[in-house]
């Protein structure tokens, strides 16, 4: 994996995609082998967009406070009015409704709003490595496309290296600079740039056979 790559990770259920992300997150230790990323503490360089990234019973504001604490702010001091204004402006770039949802429990947000919030908080710390786990899987096609366009826009505007798991063949063909497919925990396809452009929908569907 090279710096700045946007890797699309494909594979059927049980192929090893989620296990690989958990290893990269530091949640699971590999049985054998090793990996190093920039020789730094994983949690400091890592941004992640997963289903577990938000506390659904807490408000958007409370989730922001917890995220700010993870970045070094004091939990007990909360967030100043100036910081709230900053976050409202920041969140608006990800979803126009989010600035008005600060007092709403995350569980009451639409799927698109929730995933936009996850994306915003994950990228706020400007991570070196950004891991995305099927973040469009619960969205309707229109919302999924809008979120992927937004995701791609922010990734392209930053030097972040990204690994995204998905089952959406169209997204795999449209976005990213590299496709890696897993089957039984092993890499069965690895294509970059020009090779990726030659891949067809049928080529990728065959991986699920």
Protein backbone atom coordinates (compact mmCIF):
# COMPACT_ATOMS: atom_id res chain seq x y z
CA UNK A 1 0.00 0.00 0.00
CA UNK A 2 1.48 3.30 -1.11
CA UNK A 3 0.84 6.75 0.37
CA UNK A 4 -2.13 8.49 -1.21
CA UNK A 5 -3.72 5.37 -2.67
CA UNK A 6 -7.49 4.91 -2.55
CA UNK A 7 -7.93 1.14 -2.34
CA UNK A 8 -11.29 -0.54 -2.92
CA UNK A 9 -11.42 -3.85 -1.05
CA UNK A 10 -13.82 -6.42 -2.52
CA UNK A 11 -14.83 -9.91 -1.48
CA UNK A 12 -17.83 -11.97 -0.46
CA UNK A 13 -18.88 -12.32 3.17
CA UNK A 14 -16.22 -14.25 5.07
CA UNK A 15 -13.46 -13.43 2.58
CA UNK A 16 -11.39 -11.56 5.18
CA UNK A 17 -12.21 -7.91 4.43
CA UNK A 18 -13.44 -7.01 7.91
CA UNK A 19 -10.64 -9.01 9.54
CA UNK A 20 -8.07 -7.05 7.54
CA UNK A 21 -9.62 -3.74 8.60
CA UNK A 22 -9.59 -4.86 12.24
CA UNK A 23 -5.88 -5.65 11.95
CA UNK A 24 -5.23 -2.22 10.43
CA UNK A 25 -7.31 -0.62 13.21
CA UNK A 26 -5.27 -2.44 15.83
CA UNK A 27 -8.32 -4.28 17.17
CA UNK A 28 -6.95 -7.70 16.17
CA UNK A 29 -3.37 -8.96 16.25
CA UNK A 30 -2.33 -11.05 13.22
CA UNK A 31 -1.48 -14.67 14.06
CA UNK A 32 1.65 -14.44 11.95
CA UNK A 33 3.50 -11.77 10.03
CA UNK A 34 3.64 -8.09 10.90
CA UNK A 35 2.88 -4.68 9.50
CA UNK A 36 4.18 -1.20 10.23
CA UNK A 37 2.68 2.10 9.21
CA UNK A 38 4.86 5.17 9.60
CA UNK A 39 6.28 3.70 12.85
CA UNK A 40 3.67 5.60 14.85
CA UNK A 41 0.90 4.86 17.30
CA UNK A 42 -1.99 3.55 15.22
CA UNK A 43 -4.79 5.44 16.97
CA UNK A 44 -3.17 8.80 16.29
CA UNK A 45 -2.77 8.41 12.54
CA UNK A 46 -5.99 6.48 11.93
CA UNK A 47 -9.40 7.70 10.83
CA UNK A 48 -12.24 5.24 10.47
CA UNK A 49 -15.75 5.26 9.04
CA UNK A 50 -17.54 2.26 10.52
CA UNK A 51 -20.96 1.43 11.96
CA UNK A 52 -19.45 1.70 15.46
CA UNK A 53 -18.02 5.21 15.00
CA UNK A 54 -20.99 7.00 16.61
CA UNK A 55 -22.96 6.75 19.87
CA UNK A 56 -26.55 6.68 18.62
CA UNK A 57 -28.17 7.45 22.00
CA UNK A 58 -26.12 10.65 22.33
CA UNK A 59 -26.75 13.89 20.47
CA UNK A 60 -24.68 15.10 17.55
CA UNK A 61 -23.16 17.71 19.90
CA UNK A 62 -22.23 15.06 22.48
CA UNK A 63 -20.61 12.93 19.79
CA UNK A 64 -18.60 15.97 18.68
CA UNK A 65 -17.47 16.57 22.29
CA UNK A 66 -16.27 12.96 22.58
CA UNK A 67 -14.49 13.25 19.25
CA UNK A 68 -12.86 16.52 20.35
CA UNK A 69 -11.70 14.79 23.55
CA UNK A 70 -10.10 12.04 21.45
CA UNK A 71 -8.21 14.80 19.64
CA UNK A 72 -6.97 16.22 22.94
CA UNK A 73 -9.72 18.55 24.21
CA UNK A 74 -10.97 18.37 27.81
CA UNK A 75 -14.20 16.39 28.12
CA UNK A 76 -15.35 18.37 31.14
CA UNK A 77 -14.88 21.80 29.59
CA UNK A 78 -17.06 20.86 26.63
CA UNK A 79 -16.84 23.01 23.52
CA UNK A 80 -16.81 26.81 23.46
CA UNK A 81 -19.27 28.89 21.43
CA UNK A 82 -16.47 29.66 18.99
CA UNK A 83 -15.75 25.96 18.55
CA UNK A 84 -19.47 25.22 18.07
CA UNK A 85 -19.62 27.84 15.32
CA UNK A 86 -16.54 26.26 13.75
CA UNK A 87 -18.04 22.76 13.85
CA UNK A 88 -21.32 24.00 12.37
CA UNK A 89 -19.45 25.52 9.46
CA UNK A 90 -17.29 22.40 9.10
CA UNK A 91 -20.27 20.00 9.17
CA UNK A 92 -22.16 22.02 6.57
CA UNK A 93 -19.55 21.03 3.99
CA UNK A 94 -20.55 17.38 4.52
CA UNK A 95 -24.34 17.71 4.80
CA UNK A 96 -26.42 20.88 4.71
CA UNK A 97 -28.76 19.69 7.50
CA UNK A 98 -26.10 18.68 10.04
CA UNK A 99 -25.50 22.18 11.53
CA UNK A 100 -29.15 22.26 12.62
CA UNK A 101 -29.05 18.79 14.15
CA UNK A 102 -26.61 19.37 17.04
CA UNK A 103 -29.29 18.76 19.70
CA UNK A 104 -30.70 15.68 17.94
CA UNK A 105 -29.80 12.14 19.05
CA UNK A 106 -27.70 10.50 16.35
CA UNK A 107 -30.21 7.65 16.20
CA UNK A 108 -32.87 10.04 14.88
CA UNK A 109 -30.78 11.21 11.92
CA UNK A 110 -31.35 9.90 8.42
CA UNK A 111 -28.90 7.32 7.12
CA UNK A 112 -27.27 9.90 4.88
CA UNK A 113 -26.90 12.40 7.73
CA UNK A 114 -25.39 9.76 10.02
CA UNK A 115 -22.84 8.59 7.49
CA UNK A 116 -21.96 12.18 6.58
CA UNK A 117 -21.32 12.86 10.28
CA UNK A 118 -19.12 9.77 10.54
CA UNK A 119 -17.17 10.94 7.50
CA UNK A 120 -16.80 14.48 8.84
CA UNK A 121 -15.53 13.40 12.26
CA UNK A 122 -13.18 10.77 10.82
CA UNK A 123 -11.52 13.25 8.46
CA UNK A 124 -11.40 16.12 10.96
CA UNK A 125 -8.18 14.85 12.54
CA UNK A 126 -6.53 14.69 9.09
CA UNK A 127 -5.46 11.04 9.43
CA UNK A 128 -2.70 9.46 7.36
CA UNK A 129 -4.80 6.31 6.91
CA UNK A 130 -8.59 6.34 6.48
CA UNK A 131 -10.54 3.06 6.77
CA UNK A 132 -14.11 2.87 5.45
CA UNK A 133 -16.26 -0.19 6.13
CA UNK A 134 -19.24 -0.47 3.75
CA UNK A 135 -20.50 3.01 4.66
CA UNK A 136 -23.13 3.07 1.88
CA UNK A 137 -24.62 -0.38 2.55
CA UNK A 138 -27.71 0.89 4.42
CA UNK A 139 -28.48 3.75 2.03
CA UNK A 140 -30.79 3.99 -0.98
CA UNK A 141 -29.03 4.25 -4.37
CA UNK A 142 -29.40 8.04 -4.62
CA UNK A 143 -28.08 8.66 -1.10
CA UNK A 144 -25.29 6.11 -1.58
CA UNK A 145 -24.11 7.82 -4.75
CA UNK A 146 -24.24 11.25 -3.10
CA UNK A 147 -22.21 9.99 -0.13
CA UNK A 148 -19.63 8.34 -2.38
CA UNK A 149 -19.25 11.53 -4.43
CA UNK A 150 -18.73 13.46 -1.19
CA UNK A 151 -16.29 10.88 0.15
CA UNK A 152 -14.30 10.87 -3.07
CA UNK A 153 -14.20 14.67 -3.18
CA UNK A 154 -12.66 14.96 0.29
CA UNK A 155 -10.24 12.08 -0.28
CA UNK A 156 -9.02 13.61 -3.54
CA UNK A 157 -8.52 16.97 -1.82
CA UNK A 158 -6.24 15.47 0.85
CA UNK A 159 -3.12 13.28 0.93
CA UNK A 160 -4.92 10.61 2.99
CA UNK A 161 -4.39 6.95 2.13
CA UNK A 162 -7.75 5.17 2.05
CA UNK A 163 -8.96 1.57 2.25
CA UNK A 164 -12.68 1.07 1.63
CA UNK A 165 -14.63 -2.20 1.77
CA UNK A 166 -17.75 -2.48 -0.37
CA UNK A 167 -20.01 -4.94 -2.18
CA UNK A 168 -21.04 -2.30 -4.70
CA UNK A 169 -19.43 -3.21 -8.03
CA UNK A 170 -20.33 0.15 -9.58
CA UNK A 171 -18.56 2.02 -6.77
CA UNK A 172 -15.51 -0.21 -7.16
CA UNK A 173 -15.31 0.59 -10.87
CA UNK A 174 -16.03 4.31 -10.46
CA UNK A 175 -13.93 5.29 -7.46
CA UNK A 176 -10.47 4.58 -6.12
CA UNK A 177 -7.06 4.07 -7.66
CA UNK A 178 -6.71 0.36 -6.93
CA UNK A 179 -8.93 -2.70 -6.47
CA UNK A 180 -7.91 -5.59 -4.22
CA UNK A 181 -10.20 -8.62 -4.00
CA UNK A 182 -10.02 -11.27 -1.29
CA UNK A 183 -11.26 -14.84 -1.28
CA UNK A 184 -10.69 -17.20 1.63
CA UNK A 185 -8.34 -14.67 3.20
CA UNK A 186 -6.10 -14.52 0.13
CA UNK A 187 -5.65 -11.85 -2.54
CA UNK A 188 -7.18 -13.05 -5.83
CA UNK A 189 -7.11 -9.72 -7.68
CA UNK A 190 -4.90 -6.64 -7.37
CA UNK A 191 -5.16 -4.03 -10.12
CA UNK A 192 -4.04 -0.40 -10.24
CA UNK A 193 -4.69 2.65 -12.40
CA UNK A 194 -4.68 1.60 -16.10
CA UNK A 195 -5.39 -2.05 -15.26
CA UNK A 196 -8.31 -0.98 -13.09
CA UNK A 197 -9.78 1.02 -15.98
CA UNK A 198 -9.87 -2.18 -18.06
CA UNK A 199 -11.88 -4.08 -15.43
CA UNK A 200 -15.51 -4.74 -16.31
CA UNK A 201 -18.55 -5.38 -14.17
CA UNK A 202 -18.47 -9.04 -15.24
CA UNK A 203 -14.82 -9.35 -14.18
CA UNK A 204 -15.68 -8.24 -10.66
CA UNK A 205 -18.94 -10.20 -10.42
CA UNK A 206 -16.97 -13.36 -11.27
CA UNK A 207 -15.04 -12.90 -8.02
CA UNK A 208 -18.22 -13.69 -6.10
CA UNK A 209 -18.79 -17.00 -7.89
